[in-house]
PDB file of N, CA and C in Angstrom:
ATOM      1  N   MET A   1      81.206  85.192  93.165  1.00  0.00           N
ATOM      2  CA  MET A   1      81.144  86.092  94.313  1.00  0.00           C
ATOM      3  C   MET A   1      82.543  86.637  94.602  1.00  0.00           C
ATOM      4  N   TYR A   2      82.562  87.867  95.084  1.00  0.00           N
ATOM      5  CA  TYR A   2      83.814  88.563  95.355  1.00  0.00           C
ATOM      6  C   TYR A   2      83.787  89.134  96.768  1.00  0.00           C
ATOM      7  N   LYS A   3      84.971  89.302  97.327  1.00  0.00           N
ATOM      8  CA  LYS A   3      85.074  89.922  98.644  1.00  0.00           C
ATOM      9  C   LYS A   3      86.455  90.526  98.817  1.00  0.00           C
ATOM     10  N   GLN A   4      86.562  91.325  99.857  1.00  0.00           N
ATOM     11  CA  GLN A   4      87.848  91.849 100.297  1.00  0.00           C
ATOM     12  C   GLN A   4      88.039  91.378 101.732  1.00  0.00           C
ATOM     13  N   VAL A   5      89.269  91.001 102.053  1.00  0.00           N
ATOM     14  CA  VAL A   5      89.587  90.564 103.411  1.00  0.00           C
ATOM     15  C   VAL A   5      90.697  91.446 103.957  1.00  0.00           C
ATOM     16  N   ILE A   6      90.547  91.854 105.200  1.00  0.00           N
ATOM     17  CA  ILE A   6      91.596  92.584 105.904  1.00  0.00           C
ATOM     18  C   ILE A   6      92.003  91.723 107.088  1.00  0.00           C
ATOM     19  N   VAL A   7      93.311  91.507 107.221  1.00  0.00           N
ATOM     20  CA  VAL A   7      93.843  90.690 108.314  1.00  0.00           C
ATOM     21  C   VAL A   7      94.684  91.594 109.210  1.00  0.00           C
ATOM     22  N   VAL A   8      94.381  91.578 110.503  1.00  0.00           N
ATOM     23  CA  VAL A   8      95.057  92.419 111.487  1.00  0.00           C
ATOM     24  C   VAL A   8      95.858  91.541 112.439  1.00  0.00           C
ATOM     25  N   ARG A   9      97.020  92.029 112.844  1.00  0.00           N
ATOM     26  CA  ARG A   9      97.843  91.296 113.819  1.00  0.00           C
ATOM     27  C   ARG A   9      97.223  91.365 115.216  1.00  0.00           C
ATOM     28  N   ALA A  10      96.942  90.209 115.801  1.00  0.00           N
ATOM     29  CA  ALA A  10      96.348  90.141 117.137  1.00  0.00           C
ATOM     30  C   ALA A  10      97.369  90.410 118.240  1.00  0.00           C
ATOM     31  N   ASP A  11      98.637  90.092 117.979  1.00  0.00           N
ATOM     32  CA  ASP A  11      99.657  90.225 119.024  1.00  0.00           C
ATOM     33  C   ASP A  11      99.967  91.672 119.397  1.00  0.00           C
ATOM     34  N   LEU A  12      99.603  92.623 118.563  1.00  0.00           N
ATOM     35  CA  LEU A  12      99.888  94.032 118.862  1.00  0.00           C
ATOM     36  C   LEU A  12      98.922  94.625 119.875  1.00  0.00           C
ATOM     37  N   LYS A  13      97.754  93.996 120.027  1.00  0.00           N
ATOM     38  CA  LYS A  13      96.745  94.463 120.981  1.00  0.00           C
ATOM     39  C   LYS A  13      96.454  95.963 120.799  1.00  0.00           C
ATOM     40  N   LEU A  14      96.169  96.344 119.553  1.00  0.00           N
ATOM     41  CA  LEU A  14      95.865  97.731 119.229  1.00  0.00           C
ATOM     42  C   LEU A  14      94.499  98.124 119.789  1.00  0.00           C
ATOM     43  N   SER A  15      94.331  99.420 120.068  1.00  0.00           N
ATOM     44  CA  SER A  15      93.020  99.910 120.495  1.00  0.00           C
ATOM     45  C   SER A  15      92.027  99.744 119.344  1.00  0.00           C
ATOM     46  N   LYS A  16      90.749  99.848 119.662  1.00  0.00           N
ATOM     47  CA  LYS A  16      89.718  99.711 118.623  1.00  0.00           C
ATOM     48  C   LYS A  16      89.861 100.783 117.553  1.00  0.00           C
ATOM     49  N   GLY A  17      90.156 101.998 117.972  1.00  0.00           N
ATOM     50  CA  GLY A  17      90.318 103.085 117.012  1.00  0.00           C
ATOM     51  C   GLY A  17      91.512 102.871 116.099  1.00  0.00           C
ATOM     52  N   LYS A  18      92.620 102.451 116.673  1.00  0.00           N
ATOM     53  CA  LYS A  18      93.827 102.195 115.884  1.00  0.00           C
ATOM     54  C   LYS A  18      93.589 101.031 114.930  1.00  0.00           C
ATOM     55  N   THR A  19      92.919  99.992 115.407  1.00  0.00           N
ATOM     56  CA  THR A  19      92.598  98.848 114.552  1.00  0.00           C
ATOM     57  C   THR A  19      91.734  99.292 113.379  1.00  0.00           C
ATOM     58  N   ALA A  20      90.725 100.112 113.651  1.00  0.00           N
ATOM     59  CA  ALA A  20      89.848 100.600 112.583  1.00  0.00           C
ATOM     60  C   ALA A  20      90.639 101.397 111.550  1.00  0.00           C
ATOM     61  N   ALA A  21      91.548 102.236 112.001  1.00  0.00           N
ATOM     62  CA  ALA A  21      92.360 103.033 111.075  1.00  0.00           C
ATOM     63  C   ALA A  21      93.259 102.147 110.219  1.00  0.00           C
ATOM     64  N   GLN A  22      93.873 101.145 110.825  1.00  0.00           N
ATOM     65  CA  GLN A  22      94.754 100.252 110.069  1.00  0.00           C
ATOM     66  C   GLN A  22      93.959  99.428 109.057  1.00  0.00           C
ATOM     67  N   CYS A  23      92.752  99.021 109.435  1.00  0.00           N
ATOM     68  CA  CYS A  23      91.879  98.299 108.498  1.00  0.00           C
ATOM     69  C   CYS A  23      91.495  99.188 107.323  1.00  0.00           C
ATOM     70  N   ALA A  24      91.209 100.451 107.595  1.00  0.00           N
ATOM     71  CA  ALA A  24      90.861 101.385 106.519  1.00  0.00           C
ATOM     72  C   ALA A  24      92.034 101.559 105.562  1.00  0.00           C
ATOM     73  N   HIS A  25      93.232 101.724 106.092  1.00  0.00           N
ATOM     74  CA  HIS A  25      94.428 101.832 105.239  1.00  0.00           C
ATOM     75  C   HIS A  25      94.581 100.583 104.374  1.00  0.00           C
ATOM     76  N   ALA A  26      94.437  99.419 104.988  1.00  0.00           N
ATOM     77  CA  ALA A  26      94.613  98.153 104.264  1.00  0.00           C
ATOM     78  C   ALA A  26      93.559  97.996 103.169  1.00  0.00           C
ATOM     79  N   SER A  27      92.324  98.347 103.480  1.00  0.00           N
ATOM     80  CA  SER A  27      91.245  98.236 102.504  1.00  0.00           C
ATOM     81  C   SER A  27      91.505  99.121 101.288  1.00  0.00           C
ATOM     82  N   LEU A  28      91.828 100.376 101.538  1.00  0.00           N
ATOM     83  CA  LEU A  28      92.050 101.309 100.428  1.00  0.00           C
ATOM     84  C   LEU A  28      93.268 100.948  99.589  1.00  0.00           C
ATOM     85  N   GLU A  29      94.356 100.585 100.230  1.00  0.00           N
ATOM     86  CA  GLU A  29      95.577 100.264  99.475  1.00  0.00           C
ATOM     87  C   GLU A  29      95.396  99.018  98.623  1.00  0.00           C
ATOM     88  N   ALA A  30      94.738  97.997  99.165  1.00  0.00           N
ATOM     89  CA  ALA A  30      94.497  96.781  98.379  1.00  0.00           C
ATOM     90  C   ALA A  30      93.535  97.080  97.224  1.00  0.00           C
ATOM     91  N   TYR A  31      92.522  97.887  97.487  1.00  0.00           N
ATOM     92  CA  TYR A  31      91.557  98.297  96.459  1.00  0.00           C
ATOM     93  C   TYR A  31      92.270  98.968  95.286  1.00  0.00           C
ATOM     94  N   LYS A  32      93.194  99.868  95.585  1.00  0.00           N
ATOM     95  CA  LYS A  32      93.933 100.600  94.544  1.00  0.00           C
ATOM     96  C   LYS A  32      94.736  99.664  93.641  1.00  0.00           C
ATOM     97  N   ARG A  33      95.103  98.512  94.147  1.00  0.00           N
ATOM     98  CA  ARG A  33      95.942  97.564  93.403  1.00  0.00           C
ATOM     99  C   ARG A  33      95.128  96.495  92.675  1.00  0.00           C
ATOM    100  N   SER A  34      93.818  96.542  92.825  1.00  0.00           N
ATOM    101  CA  SER A  34      92.956  95.497  92.272  1.00  0.00           C
ATOM    102  C   SER A  34      92.529  95.799  90.840  1.00  0.00           C
ATOM    103  N   ASP A  35      92.173  94.741  90.131  1.00  0.00           N
ATOM    104  CA  ASP A  35      91.711  94.822  88.752  1.00  0.00           C
ATOM    105  C   ASP A  35      90.376  95.575  88.683  1.00  0.00           C
ATOM    106  N   LYS A  36      90.277  96.517  87.755  1.00  0.00           N
ATOM    107  CA  LYS A  36      89.073  97.347  87.656  1.00  0.00           C
ATOM    108  C   LYS A  36      87.816  96.538  87.329  1.00  0.00           C
ATOM    109  N   LYS A  37      87.954  95.489  86.544  1.00  0.00           N
ATOM    110  CA  LYS A  37      86.801  94.646  86.223  1.00  0.00           C
ATOM    111  C   LYS A  37      86.286  93.947  87.482  1.00  0.00           C
ATOM    112  N   ILE A  38      87.206  93.412  88.270  1.00  0.00           N
ATOM    113  CA  ILE A  38      86.816  92.749  89.522  1.00  0.00           C
ATOM    114  C   ILE A  38      86.213  93.758  90.493  1.00  0.00           C
ATOM    115  N   ILE A  39      86.776  94.960  90.550  1.00  0.00           N
ATOM    116  CA  ILE A  39      86.213  96.000  91.415  1.00  0.00           C
ATOM    117  C   ILE A  39      84.767  96.284  91.023  1.00  0.00           C
ATOM    118  N   GLY A  40      84.497  96.365  89.728  1.00  0.00           N
ATOM    119  CA  GLY A  40      83.132  96.608  89.261  1.00  0.00           C
ATOM    120  C   GLY A  40      82.169  95.519  89.686  1.00  0.00           C
ATOM    121  N   LEU A  41      82.585  94.267  89.549  1.00  0.00           N
ATOM    122  CA  LEU A  41      81.741  93.140  89.965  1.00  0.00           C
ATOM    123  C   LEU A  41      81.524  93.150  91.477  1.00  0.00           C
ATOM    124  N   TRP A  42      82.583  93.421  92.214  1.00  0.00           N
ATOM    125  CA  TRP A  42      82.521  93.498  93.675  1.00  0.00           C
ATOM    126  C   TRP A  42      81.561  94.607  94.103  1.00  0.00           C
ATOM    127  N   ASN A  43      81.634  95.758  93.427  1.00  0.00           N
ATOM    128  CA  ASN A  43      80.717  96.869  93.728  1.00  0.00           C
ATOM    129  C   ASN A  43      79.266  96.445  93.541  1.00  0.00           C
ATOM    130  N   LYS A  44      78.981  95.746  92.452  1.00  0.00           N
ATOM    131  CA  LYS A  44      77.612  95.317  92.155  1.00  0.00           C
ATOM    132  C   LYS A  44      77.086  94.327  93.189  1.00  0.00           C
ATOM    133  N   GLU A  45      77.990  93.562  93.807  1.00  0.00           N
ATOM    134  CA  GLU A  45      77.588  92.561  94.806  1.00  0.00           C
ATOM    135  C   GLU A  45      77.487  93.130  96.218  1.00  0.00           C
ATOM    136  N   GLY A  46      77.782  94.409  96.406  1.00  0.00           N
ATOM    137  CA  GLY A  46      77.642  95.017  97.728  1.00  0.00           C
ATOM    138  C   GLY A  46      78.935  95.220  98.489  1.00  0.00           C
ATOM    139  N   GLU A  47      80.074  95.002  97.842  1.00  0.00           N
ATOM    140  CA  GLU A  47      81.393  95.282  98.435  1.00  0.00           C
ATOM    141  C   GLU A  47      81.630  94.549  99.759  1.00  0.00           C
ATOM    142  N   LYS A  48      81.437  93.245  99.762  1.00  0.00           N
ATOM    143  CA  LYS A  48      81.633  92.419 100.964  1.00  0.00           C
ATOM    144  C   LYS A  48      83.065  92.559 101.482  1.00  0.00           C
ATOM    145  N   LYS A  49      83.164  92.811 102.796  1.00  0.00           N
ATOM    146  CA  LYS A  49      84.460  92.895 103.477  1.00  0.00           C
ATOM    147  C   LYS A  49      84.412  92.002 104.712  1.00  0.00           C
ATOM    148  N   VAL A  50      85.520  91.329 104.983  1.00  0.00           N
ATOM    149  CA  VAL A  50      85.631  90.468 106.155  1.00  0.00           C
ATOM    150  C   VAL A  50      86.921  90.842 106.877  1.00  0.00           C
ATOM    151  N   ILE A  51      86.846  91.007 108.198  1.00  0.00           N
ATOM    152  CA  ILE A  51      88.022  91.349 108.994  1.00  0.00           C
ATOM    153  C   ILE A  51      88.410  90.129 109.820  1.00  0.00           C
ATOM    154  N   LEU A  52      89.648  89.691 109.636  1.00  0.00           N
ATOM    155  CA  LEU A  52      90.171  88.503 110.312  1.00  0.00           C
ATOM    156  C   LEU A  52      91.401  88.876 111.124  1.00  0.00           C
ATOM    157  N   LYS A  53      91.872  87.926 111.927  1.00  0.00           N
ATOM    158  CA  LYS A  53      93.091  88.203 112.691  1.00  0.00           C
ATOM    159  C   LYS A  53      94.143  87.135 112.453  1.00  0.00           C
ATOM    160  N   ALA A  54      95.389  87.604 112.430  1.00  0.00           N
ATOM    161  CA  ALA A  54      96.563  86.735 112.385  1.00  0.00           C
ATOM    162  C   ALA A  54      97.200  86.800 113.761  1.00  0.00           C
ATOM    163  N   LYS A  55      97.773  85.687 114.202  1.00  0.00           N
ATOM    164  CA  LYS A  55      98.313  85.685 115.566  1.00  0.00           C
ATOM    165  C   LYS A  55      99.544  86.571 115.719  1.00  0.00           C
ATOM    166  N   ASP A  56     100.335  86.735 114.641  1.00  0.00           N
ATOM    167  CA  ASP A  56     101.569  87.510 114.759  1.00  0.00           C
ATOM    168  C   ASP A  56     102.103  87.907 113.380  1.00  0.00           C
ATOM    169  N   LEU A  57     103.240  88.585 113.370  1.00  0.00           N
ATOM    170  CA  LEU A  57     103.855  89.046 112.128  1.00  0.00           C
ATOM    171  C   LEU A  57     104.218  87.886 111.213  1.00  0.00           C
ATOM    172  N   LYS A  58     104.741  86.829 111.768  1.00  0.00           N
ATOM    173  CA  LYS A  58     105.135  85.671 110.960  1.00  0.00           C
ATOM    174  C   LYS A  58     103.949  85.136 110.157  1.00  0.00           C
ATOM    175  N   GLU A  59     102.806  84.997 110.816  1.00  0.00           N
ATOM    176  CA  GLU A  59     101.621  84.494 110.122  1.00  0.00           C
ATOM    177  C   GLU A  59     101.154  85.484 109.051  1.00  0.00           C
ATOM    178  N   LEU A  60     101.194  86.777 109.355  1.00  0.00           N
ATOM    179  CA  LEU A  60     100.774  87.790 108.392  1.00  0.00           C
ATOM    180  C   LEU A  60     101.660  87.762 107.143  1.00  0.00           C
ATOM    181  N   LEU A  61     102.961  87.621 107.337  1.00  0.00           N
ATOM    182  CA  LEU A  61     103.885  87.572 106.198  1.00  0.00           C
ATOM    183  C   LEU A  61     103.699  86.305 105.373  1.00  0.00           C
ATOM    184  N   LEU A  62     103.342  85.214 106.021  1.00  0.00           N
ATOM    185  CA  LEU A  62     103.041  83.976 105.292  1.00  0.00           C
ATOM    186  C   LEU A  62     101.804  84.167 104.405  1.00  0.00           C
ATOM    187  N   LEU A  63     100.808  84.866 104.917  1.00  0.00           N
ATOM    188  CA  LEU A  63      99.611  85.165 104.126  1.00  0.00           C
ATOM    189  C   LEU A  63      99.964  86.030 102.920  1.00  0.00           C
ATOM    190  N   LYS A  64     100.838  86.998 103.130  1.00  0.00           N
ATOM    191  CA  LYS A  64     101.293  87.860 102.029  1.00  0.00           C
ATOM    192  C   LYS A  64     101.964  87.027 100.945  1.00  0.00           C
ATOM    193  N   GLU A  65     102.813  86.095 101.348  1.00  0.00           N
ATOM    194  CA  GLU A  65     103.490  85.220 100.379  1.00  0.00           C
ATOM    195  C   GLU A  65     102.479  84.388  99.588  1.00  0.00           C
ATOM    196  N   LYS A  66     101.445  83.900 100.261  1.00  0.00           N
ATOM    197  CA  LYS A  66     100.404  83.128  99.571  1.00  0.00           C
ATOM    198  C   LYS A  66      99.670  83.998  98.552  1.00  0.00           C
ATOM    199  N   CYS A  67      99.403  85.247  98.914  1.00  0.00           N
ATOM    200  CA  CYS A  67      98.764  86.175  97.973  1.00  0.00           C
ATOM    201  C   CYS A  67      99.638  86.377  96.740  1.00  0.00           C
ATOM    202  N   GLU A  68     100.929  86.544  96.962  1.00  0.00           N
ATOM    203  CA  GLU A  68     101.852  86.725  95.842  1.00  0.00           C
ATOM    204  C   GLU A  68     101.853  85.495  94.939  1.00  0.00           C
ATOM    205  N   HIS A  69     101.890  84.320  95.543  1.00  0.00           N
ATOM    206  CA  HIS A  69     101.907  83.066  94.783  1.00  0.00           C
ATOM    207  C   HIS A  69     100.641  82.908  93.930  1.00  0.00           C
ATOM    208  N   LEU A  70      99.496  83.305  94.490  1.00  0.00           N
ATOM    209  CA  LEU A  70      98.216  83.178  93.789  1.00  0.00           C
ATOM    210  C   LEU A  70      97.868  84.420  92.957  1.00  0.00           C
ATOM    211  N   ARG A  71      98.747  85.394  92.979  1.00  0.00           N
ATOM    212  CA  ARG A  71      98.559  86.651  92.228  1.00  0.00           C
ATOM    213  C   ARG A  71      97.283  87.386  92.629  1.00  0.00           C
ATOM    214  N   ILE A  72      97.064  87.444  93.921  1.00  0.00           N
ATOM    215  CA  ILE A  72      95.928  88.186  94.470  1.00  0.00           C
ATOM    216  C   ILE A  72      96.432  89.579  94.852  1.00  0.00           C
ATOM    217  N   PRO A  73      95.762  90.639  94.408  1.00  0.00           N
ATOM    218  CA  PRO A  73      96.169  91.983  94.819  1.00  0.00           C
ATOM    219  C   PRO A  73      96.103  92.112  96.344  1.00  0.00           C
ATOM    220  N   HIS A  74      97.112  92.737  96.909  1.00  0.00           N
ATOM    221  CA  HIS A  74      97.175  92.860  98.365  1.00  0.00           C
ATOM    222  C   HIS A  74      98.030  94.061  98.746  1.00  0.00           C
ATOM    223  N   ALA A  75      97.946  94.458 100.000  1.00  0.00           N
ATOM    224  CA  ALA A  75      98.738  95.573 100.509  1.00  0.00           C
ATOM    225  C   ALA A  75      99.102  95.305 101.960  1.00  0.00           C
ATOM    226  N   LEU A  76     100.386  95.340 102.233  1.00  0.00           N
ATOM    227  CA  LEU A  76     100.898  95.188 103.596  1.00  0.00           C
ATOM    228  C   LEU A  76     101.016  96.590 104.196  1.00  0.00           C
ATOM    229  N   ILE A  77     100.464  96.790 105.375  1.00  0.00           N
ATOM    230  CA  ILE A  77     100.392  98.117 105.982  1.00  0.00           C
ATOM    231  C   ILE A  77     101.390  98.254 107.129  1.00  0.00           C
ATOM    232  N   SER A  78     102.172  99.327 107.059  1.00  0.00           N
ATOM    233  CA  SER A  78     103.120  99.680 108.123  1.00  0.00           C
ATOM    234  C   SER A  78     102.645 100.971 108.771  1.00  0.00           C
ATOM    235  N   ASP A  79     102.631 101.006 110.087  1.00  0.00           N
ATOM    236  CA  ASP A  79     102.156 102.174 110.822  1.00  0.00           C
ATOM    237  C   ASP A  79     103.239 103.246 110.915  1.00  0.00           C
ATOM    238  N   ALA A  80     102.811 104.495 110.943  1.00  0.00           N
ATOM    239  CA  ALA A  80     103.745 105.616 111.071  1.00  0.00           C
ATOM    240  C   ALA A  80     104.374 105.677 112.462  1.00  0.00           C
ATOM    241  N   GLY A  81     103.725 105.065 113.434  1.00  0.00           N
ATOM    242  CA  GLY A  81     104.298 105.001 114.772  1.00  0.00           C
ATOM    243  C   GLY A  81     104.137 106.263 115.594  1.00  0.00           C
ATOM    244  N   LEU A  82     103.108 107.032 115.329  1.00  0.00           N
ATOM    245  CA  LEU A  82     102.918 108.280 116.061  1.00  0.00           C
ATOM    246  C   LEU A  82     102.125 108.113 117.350  1.00  0.00           C
ATOM    247  N   THR A  83     101.435 106.990 117.518  1.00  0.00           N
ATOM    248  CA  THR A  83     100.585 106.834 118.707  1.00  0.00           C
ATOM    249  C   THR A  83     100.863 105.563 119.503  1.00  0.00           C
ATOM    250  N   GLU A  84     100.566 104.395 118.944  1.00  0.00           N
ATOM    251  CA  GLU A  84     100.599 103.156 119.722  1.00  0.00           C
ATOM    252  C   GLU A  84     101.725 102.192 119.374  1.00  0.00           C
ATOM    253  N   THR A  85     102.357 102.364 118.244  1.00  0.00           N
ATOM    254  CA  THR A  85     103.383 101.416 117.802  1.00  0.00           C
ATOM    255  C   THR A  85     104.669 102.146 117.453  1.00  0.00           C
ATOM    256  N   LYS A  86     105.716 101.377 117.273  1.00  0.00           N
ATOM    257  CA  LYS A  86     106.977 101.952 116.798  1.00  0.00           C
ATOM    258  C   LYS A  86     106.857 102.227 115.299  1.00  0.00           C
ATOM    259  N   PRO A  87     107.547 103.250 114.791  1.00  0.00           N
ATOM    260  CA  PRO A  87     107.497 103.526 113.351  1.00  0.00           C
ATOM    261  C   PRO A  87     107.870 102.288 112.530  1.00  0.00           C
ATOM    262  N   GLY A  88     107.087 102.049 111.487  1.00  0.00           N
ATOM    263  CA  GLY A  88     107.358 100.927 110.594  1.00  0.00           C
ATOM    264  C   GLY A  88     106.762  99.600 111.018  1.00  0.00           C
ATOM    265  N   THR A  89     106.054  99.565 112.139  1.00  0.00           N
ATOM    266  CA  THR A  89     105.432  98.319 112.588  1.00  0.00           C
ATOM    267  C   THR A  89     104.387  97.859 111.572  1.00  0.00           C
ATOM    268  N   ILE A  90     104.514  96.630 111.112  1.00  0.00           N
ATOM    269  CA  ILE A  90     103.537  96.064 110.182  1.00  0.00           C
ATOM    270  C   ILE A  90     102.307  95.654 110.982  1.00  0.00           C
ATOM    271  N   THR A  91     101.156  96.206 110.601  1.00  0.00           N
ATOM    272  CA  THR A  91      99.937  96.026 111.385  1.00  0.00           C
ATOM    273  C   THR A  91      98.854  95.197 110.708  1.00  0.00           C
ATOM    274  N   ALA A  92      98.770  95.268 109.378  1.00  0.00           N
ATOM    275  CA  ALA A  92      97.629  94.655 108.693  1.00  0.00           C
ATOM    276  C   ALA A  92      97.976  94.295 107.252  1.00  0.00           C
ATOM    277  N   LEU A  93      97.119  93.458 106.684  1.00  0.00           N
ATOM    278  CA  LEU A  93      97.233  93.054 105.285  1.00  0.00           C
ATOM    279  C   LEU A  93      95.854  93.165 104.649  1.00  0.00           C
ATOM    280  N   GLY A  94      95.755  93.960 103.598  1.00  0.00           N
ATOM    281  CA  GLY A  94      94.525  94.041 102.817  1.00  0.00           C
ATOM    282  C   GLY A  94      94.632  93.085 101.642  1.00  0.00           C
ATOM    283  N   ILE A  95      93.579  92.330 101.379  1.00  0.00           N
ATOM    284  CA  ILE A  95      93.576  91.332 100.302  1.00  0.00           C
ATOM    285  C   ILE A  95      92.342  91.555  99.433  1.00  0.00           C
ATOM    286  N   GLY A  96      92.572  91.790  98.151  1.00  0.00           N
ATOM    287  CA  GLY A  96      91.487  91.950  97.193  1.00  0.00           C
ATOM    288  C   GLY A  96      90.874  93.330  97.208  1.00  0.00           C
ATOM    289  N   PRO A  97      89.722  93.446  96.561  1.00  0.00           N
ATOM    290  CA  PRO A  97      88.742  92.425  96.258  1.00  0.00           C
ATOM    291  C   PRO A  97      89.202  91.438  95.185  1.00  0.00           C
ATOM    292  N   HIS A  98      88.713  90.209  95.363  1.00  0.00           N
ATOM    293  CA  HIS A  98      89.021  89.114  94.446  1.00  0.00           C
ATOM    294  C   HIS A  98      87.963  88.026  94.649  1.00  0.00           C
ATOM    295  N   GLU A  99      88.072  86.963  93.891  1.00  0.00           N
ATOM    296  CA  GLU A  99      87.101  85.870  93.996  1.00  0.00           C
ATOM    297  C   GLU A  99      87.148  85.220  95.383  1.00  0.00           C
ATOM    298  N   ASP A 100      85.964  84.967  95.943  1.00  0.00           N
ATOM    299  CA  ASP A 100      85.855  84.348  97.271  1.00  0.00           C
ATOM    300  C   ASP A 100      86.723  83.099  97.410  1.00  0.00           C
ATOM    301  N   GLY A 101      86.561  82.179  96.481  1.00  0.00           N
ATOM    302  CA  GLY A 101      87.255  80.898  96.577  1.00  0.00           C
ATOM    303  C   GLY A 101      88.761  81.020  96.564  1.00  0.00           C
ATOM    304  N   VAL A 102      89.267  81.975  95.811  1.00  0.00           N
ATOM    305  CA  VAL A 102      90.717  82.172  95.738  1.00  0.00           C
ATOM    306  C   VAL A 102      91.225  82.773  97.046  1.00  0.00           C
ATOM    307  N   ILE A 103      90.520  83.791  97.548  1.00  0.00           N
ATOM    308  CA  ILE A 103      90.924  84.392  98.827  1.00  0.00           C
ATOM    309  C   ILE A 103      90.820  83.371  99.957  1.00  0.00           C
ATOM    310  N   ASN A 104      89.805  82.524  99.914  1.00  0.00           N
ATOM    311  CA  ASN A 104      89.650  81.504 100.959  1.00  0.00           C
ATOM    312  C   ASN A 104      90.835  80.547 101.011  1.00  0.00           C
ATOM    313  N   ARG A 105      91.519  80.353  99.901  1.00  0.00           N
ATOM    314  CA  ARG A 105      92.716  79.503  99.895  1.00  0.00           C
ATOM    315  C   ARG A 105      93.832  80.114 100.744  1.00  0.00           C
ATOM    316  N   VAL A 106      93.779  81.419 100.934  1.00  0.00           N
ATOM    317  CA  VAL A 106      94.780  82.121 101.741  1.00  0.00           C
ATOM    318  C   VAL A 106      94.311  82.286 103.182  1.00  0.00           C
ATOM    319  N   THR A 107      93.059  82.666 103.371  1.00  0.00           N
ATOM    320  CA  THR A 107      92.589  83.090 104.696  1.00  0.00           C
ATOM    321  C   THR A 107      91.523  82.189 105.321  1.00  0.00           C
ATOM    322  N   GLY A 108      91.176  81.098 104.671  1.00  0.00           N
ATOM    323  CA  GLY A 108      90.060  80.262 105.107  1.00  0.00           C
ATOM    324  C   GLY A 108      90.132  79.724 106.522  1.00  0.00           C
ATOM    325  N   SER A 109      91.319  79.613 107.080  1.00  0.00           N
ATOM    326  CA  SER A 109      91.456  79.039 108.425  1.00  0.00           C
ATOM    327  C   SER A 109      91.577  80.090 109.529  1.00  0.00           C
ATOM    328  N   LEU A 110      91.554  81.366 109.172  1.00  0.00           N
ATOM    329  CA  LEU A 110      91.749  82.422 110.170  1.00  0.00           C
ATOM    330  C   LEU A 110      90.454  82.752 110.908  1.00  0.00           C
ATOM    331  N   PRO A 111      90.555  83.136 112.185  1.00  0.00           N
ATOM    332  CA  PRO A 111      89.358  83.530 112.937  1.00  0.00           C
ATOM    333  C   PRO A 111      88.950  84.973 112.636  1.00  0.00           C
ATOM    334  N   LEU A 112      87.658  85.243 112.821  1.00  0.00           N
ATOM    335  CA  LEU A 112      87.159  86.608 112.700  1.00  0.00           C
ATOM    336  C   LEU A 112      87.741  87.478 113.805  1.00  0.00           C
ATOM    337  N   LEU A 113      87.953  88.747 113.496  1.00  0.00           N
ATOM    338  CA  LEU A 113      88.332  89.708 114.522  1.00  0.00           C
ATOM    339  C   LEU A 113      87.064  90.086 115.271  1.00  0.00           C
ATOM    340  N   LYS A 114      87.086  89.960 116.602  1.00  0.00           N
ATOM    341  CA  LYS A 114      85.898  90.279 117.408  1.00  0.00           C
ATOM    342  C   LYS A 114      86.196  91.414 118.351  1.00  0.00           C
TER     343      LYS A 114
END
């Protein structure tokens, strides 16, 4: 089984629209960096996506380091800063698509974004 996970910083308290936009950026950028064979398998399984939250930048960067260590395709997203944040604010991390079990080693303890 395969999935993609997007992790958003909870401490920024972004609006719903801004959060949705940052998740879309993270999803697409991580997708572009993923293995084509895995993308094909993920497509066949219905393109499962899960949105989680990190408490702050420190936690998000730790997740990025874990992705690098496990060689999971990922994308760290920085906002342009035109509406709600300062330019360059890191808002989200897109992970995969990749194998469920491998991604769970990085994000398994994080809460769902509600």
